[in-house]
N, C-alpha and C. Protein backbone atom coordinates (compact mmCIF):
# COMPACT_ATOMS: atom_id res chain seq x y z
N MET A 1 0.01 -2.41 1.79
CA MET A 1 -0.25 -0.65 2.28
C MET A 1 0.70 -0.81 0.02
N PRO A 2 0.45 -0.26 -0.71
CA PRO A 2 0.91 -0.64 -2.08
C PRO A 2 1.85 0.93 -1.78
N TYR A 3 3.31 0.92 -2.55
CA TYR A 3 4.26 1.94 -2.90
C TYR A 3 4.34 2.41 -4.59
N GLY A 4 3.81 3.30 -5.03
CA GLY A 4 4.30 3.70 -6.25
C GLY A 4 3.00 3.45 -7.42
N ARG A 5 2.14 2.62 -6.57
CA ARG A 5 1.26 2.48 -7.60
C ARG A 5 -0.27 1.61 -7.16
N ALA A 6 -1.06 1.59 -7.37
CA ALA A 6 -3.11 1.69 -6.30
C ALA A 6 -2.61 0.07 -6.80
N GLY A 7 -3.35 -0.84 -5.74
CA GLY A 7 -3.59 -1.83 -6.10
C GLY A 7 -3.03 -3.01 -5.00
N ALA A 8 -3.87 -4.32 -5.12
CA ALA A 8 -3.82 -4.96 -4.11
C ALA A 8 -2.53 -5.86 -4.71
N HIS A 9 -1.02 -5.52 -4.56
CA HIS A 9 0.10 -6.97 -5.00
C HIS A 9 0.36 -7.63 -4.10
N TRP A 10 0.53 -8.57 -4.61
CA TRP A 10 1.10 -9.80 -4.43
C TRP A 10 1.33 -11.06 -4.82
N CYS A 11 1.69 -12.31 -5.00
CA CYS A 11 2.56 -12.67 -5.57
C CYS A 11 1.64 -14.72 -5.86
N LEU A 12 1.55 -15.09 -6.67
CA LEU A 12 0.95 -16.66 -7.23
C LEU A 12 2.54 -17.15 -6.73
N LEU A 13 1.82 -18.15 -5.78
CA LEU A 13 2.97 -19.36 -5.53
C LEU A 13 3.02 -20.57 -6.51
N GLY A 14 3.86 -21.25 -6.61
CA GLY A 14 3.15 -22.31 -7.67
C GLY A 14 5.06 -23.04 -8.09
N PRO A 15 5.17 -23.66 -9.36
CA PRO A 15 6.28 -23.60 -9.46
C PRO A 15 6.98 -22.17 -9.73
N GLY A 16 7.82 -22.03 -9.27
CA GLY A 16 7.91 -20.29 -9.98
C GLY A 16 6.80 -18.99 -9.07
N THR A 17 7.14 -18.19 -9.33
CA THR A 17 6.66 -17.06 -8.80
C THR A 17 6.18 -16.40 -9.89
N ASP A 18 4.66 -16.13 -9.99
CA ASP A 18 4.00 -14.66 -10.79
C ASP A 18 3.62 -13.67 -9.32
N LEU A 19 4.23 -12.28 -9.80
CA LEU A 19 3.75 -11.13 -8.94
C LEU A 19 2.71 -10.59 -9.85
N ARG A 20 1.70 -10.17 -9.06
CA ARG A 20 0.73 -9.63 -9.65
C ARG A 20 0.44 -8.54 -8.87
N VAL A 21 -0.59 -7.71 -9.56
CA VAL A 21 -1.36 -6.37 -9.39
C VAL A 21 -3.01 -6.67 -9.47
N THR A 22 -3.79 -6.85 -8.44
CA THR A 22 -5.37 -6.73 -8.79
C THR A 22 -6.11 -4.99 -8.27
N ARG A 23 -6.60 -4.63 -9.50
CA ARG A 23 -6.77 -3.08 -9.19
C ARG A 23 -8.39 -3.46 -8.61
N TYR A 24 -8.60 -2.24 -7.60
CA TYR A 24 -9.88 -2.80 -7.31
C TYR A 24 -10.64 -1.20 -7.17
N ASP A 25 -11.76 -1.07 -6.83
CA ASP A 25 -12.03 0.16 -6.45
C ASP A 25 -12.36 1.34 -5.00
N ILE A 26 -11.27 1.67 -5.55
CA ILE A 26 -10.87 2.77 -4.52
C ILE A 26 -11.63 3.50 -3.40
N PRO A 27 -12.23 4.17 -4.60
CA PRO A 27 -13.23 5.15 -3.76
C PRO A 27 -13.63 4.18 -2.59
N VAL A 28 -14.62 3.50 -3.41
CA VAL A 28 -15.68 1.99 -2.35
C VAL A 28 -14.66 2.04 -0.77
N ALA A 29 -13.67 1.62 -1.58
CA ALA A 29 -12.62 1.28 -0.26
C ALA A 29 -12.25 1.98 0.70
N VAL A 30 -12.03 3.20 0.25
CA VAL A 30 -11.99 4.38 1.37
C VAL A 30 -13.72 4.63 1.97
N GLU A 31 -14.70 4.37 1.28
CA GLU A 31 -15.48 5.08 1.86
C GLU A 31 -16.26 4.18 3.02
N ARG A 32 -15.36 2.57 3.04
CA ARG A 32 -16.12 1.82 3.51
C ARG A 32 -15.49 1.88 4.77
N LEU A 33 -13.87 2.27 4.76
CA LEU A 33 -13.31 1.91 5.97
C LEU A 33 -13.46 2.80 6.56
N VAL A 34 -13.77 4.80 6.49
CA VAL A 34 -14.72 5.50 6.80
C VAL A 34 -15.81 4.83 7.94
N ALA A 35 -16.68 4.55 7.07
CA ALA A 35 -17.93 3.80 7.29
C ALA A 35 -17.48 2.80 8.70
N GLU A 36 -16.79 2.13 8.35
CA GLU A 36 -16.87 1.27 9.48
C GLU A 36 -15.89 0.88 9.96
N CYS A 37 -15.01 1.80 10.47
CA CYS A 37 -13.85 1.89 11.50
C CYS A 37 -13.84 3.15 11.96
N ASP A 38 -13.65 2.98 13.47
CA ASP A 38 -13.75 4.48 14.73
C ASP A 38 -12.20 5.06 14.71
N TRP A 39 -11.00 4.03 13.48
CA TRP A 39 -10.23 4.52 14.32
C TRP A 39 -9.83 6.37 14.12
N PRO A 40 -9.45 7.07 14.79
CA PRO A 40 -9.42 8.22 14.35
C PRO A 40 -8.29 8.71 12.86
N GLY A 41 -8.68 9.75 12.09
CA GLY A 41 -7.65 9.72 10.92
C GLY A 41 -8.02 8.44 9.56
N ILE A 42 -8.93 7.75 10.49
CA ILE A 42 -8.57 6.45 8.66
C ILE A 42 -9.48 6.87 7.86
N GLY A 43 -9.89 8.55 7.79
CA GLY A 43 -10.09 8.56 6.07
C GLY A 43 -8.72 9.44 5.68
N GLU A 44 -7.94 9.50 6.45
CA GLU A 44 -6.81 10.73 5.65
C GLU A 44 -5.83 9.41 5.12
N TRP A 45 -5.62 8.11 6.50
CA TRP A 45 -4.91 6.85 6.20
C TRP A 45 -5.01 6.34 4.93
N ALA A 46 -6.62 6.07 4.90
CA ALA A 46 -6.91 5.72 3.95
C ALA A 46 -6.55 5.93 2.26
N ASP A 47 -7.05 7.26 2.35
CA ASP A 47 -6.73 7.99 0.89
C ASP A 47 -5.11 8.06 0.36
N TYR A 48 -4.07 8.59 1.58
CA TYR A 48 -3.08 8.52 1.49
C TYR A 48 -2.49 7.35 1.25
N TYR A 49 -2.57 6.02 1.52
CA TYR A 49 -2.24 4.80 1.23
C TYR A 49 -3.03 3.85 0.57
N LEU A 50 -3.82 4.01 0.29
CA LEU A 50 -4.83 3.04 -0.56
C LEU A 50 -4.53 3.52 -1.94
N ASN A 51 -4.36 5.01 -2.37
CA ASN A 51 -3.91 5.61 -3.55
C ASN A 51 -2.79 5.10 -3.86
N ALA A 52 -1.91 5.02 -3.40
CA ALA A 52 -0.44 5.11 -2.98
C ALA A 52 0.36 6.17 -3.20
N ARG A 53 -0.12 6.77 -2.43
CA ARG A 53 0.84 8.23 -2.66
C ARG A 53 2.16 8.43 -2.40
N ALA A 54 2.35 7.43 -1.26
CA ALA A 54 4.27 6.73 -1.24
C ALA A 54 4.73 6.57 -2.37
N THR A 55 6.13 6.94 -2.63
CA THR A 55 6.80 5.86 -3.51
C THR A 55 7.18 5.17 -3.24
N GLY A 56 8.03 4.20 -3.93
CA GLY A 56 8.99 3.16 -3.69
C GLY A 56 10.02 3.57 -3.11
N GLU A 57 10.78 4.69 -3.75
CA GLU A 57 12.16 5.16 -3.08
C GLU A 57 11.08 5.93 -1.79
N GLU A 58 10.33 6.47 -1.59
CA GLU A 58 9.85 6.75 0.06
C GLU A 58 9.73 5.65 1.02
N ALA A 59 9.27 4.69 0.66
CA ALA A 59 9.46 3.65 1.08
C ALA A 59 10.57 2.78 1.50
N LEU A 60 11.66 2.48 0.62
CA LEU A 60 13.28 2.08 0.78
C LEU A 60 13.65 2.77 2.20
N GLU A 61 13.70 4.26 2.31
CA GLU A 61 14.09 5.20 2.43
C GLU A 61 13.16 4.94 4.71
N ALA A 62 12.16 4.91 4.33
CA ALA A 62 11.53 4.90 5.31
C ALA A 62 12.17 3.43 5.99
N PHE A 63 11.62 2.76 5.64
CA PHE A 63 11.84 0.98 6.16
C PHE A 63 13.74 0.54 5.71
N GLY A 64 14.31 0.79 4.93
CA GLY A 64 15.63 0.55 5.01
C GLY A 64 16.48 0.38 6.21
N ALA A 65 16.07 1.63 6.56
CA ALA A 65 17.22 1.60 8.39
C ALA A 65 17.06 0.60 8.64
N ARG A 66 15.88 -0.27 8.95
CA ARG A 66 15.47 -0.74 9.82
C ARG A 66 16.57 -2.32 9.50
N ASP A 67 16.69 -2.71 7.90
CA ASP A 67 17.32 -3.88 8.07
C ASP A 67 18.85 -3.66 7.63
N GLY A 68 19.10 -2.27 7.94
CA GLY A 68 21.08 -1.84 7.57
C GLY A 68 21.08 -1.19 6.03
N ARG A 69 19.99 -1.18 5.42
CA ARG A 69 19.76 -0.19 4.28
C ARG A 69 19.91 0.94 4.66
N THR A 70 20.44 1.90 3.87
CA THR A 70 20.24 3.70 3.86
C THR A 70 19.21 4.09 2.63
N GLY A 71 18.89 5.22 2.97
CA GLY A 71 18.14 5.54 1.69
C GLY A 71 19.25 6.13 0.55
N SER A 72 19.16 6.28 -0.43
CA SER A 72 19.56 6.65 -1.35
C SER A 72 20.70 7.98 -1.75
């Protein structure tokens, strides 16, 4: 689930690290999830997370408390 900007975020490991973002067709991904998943609310979930509507700051605030960090 990306935060701040849409796309598949990943890291290429080799000698060193290379952080990458791969773009993909988000509307098609949302449609496929809705068609293939029977989880209630999947359309809203997919729209929110695949379109990266949550910011990086919101993610840090939500998850930071779990490892001792606090919101800004």
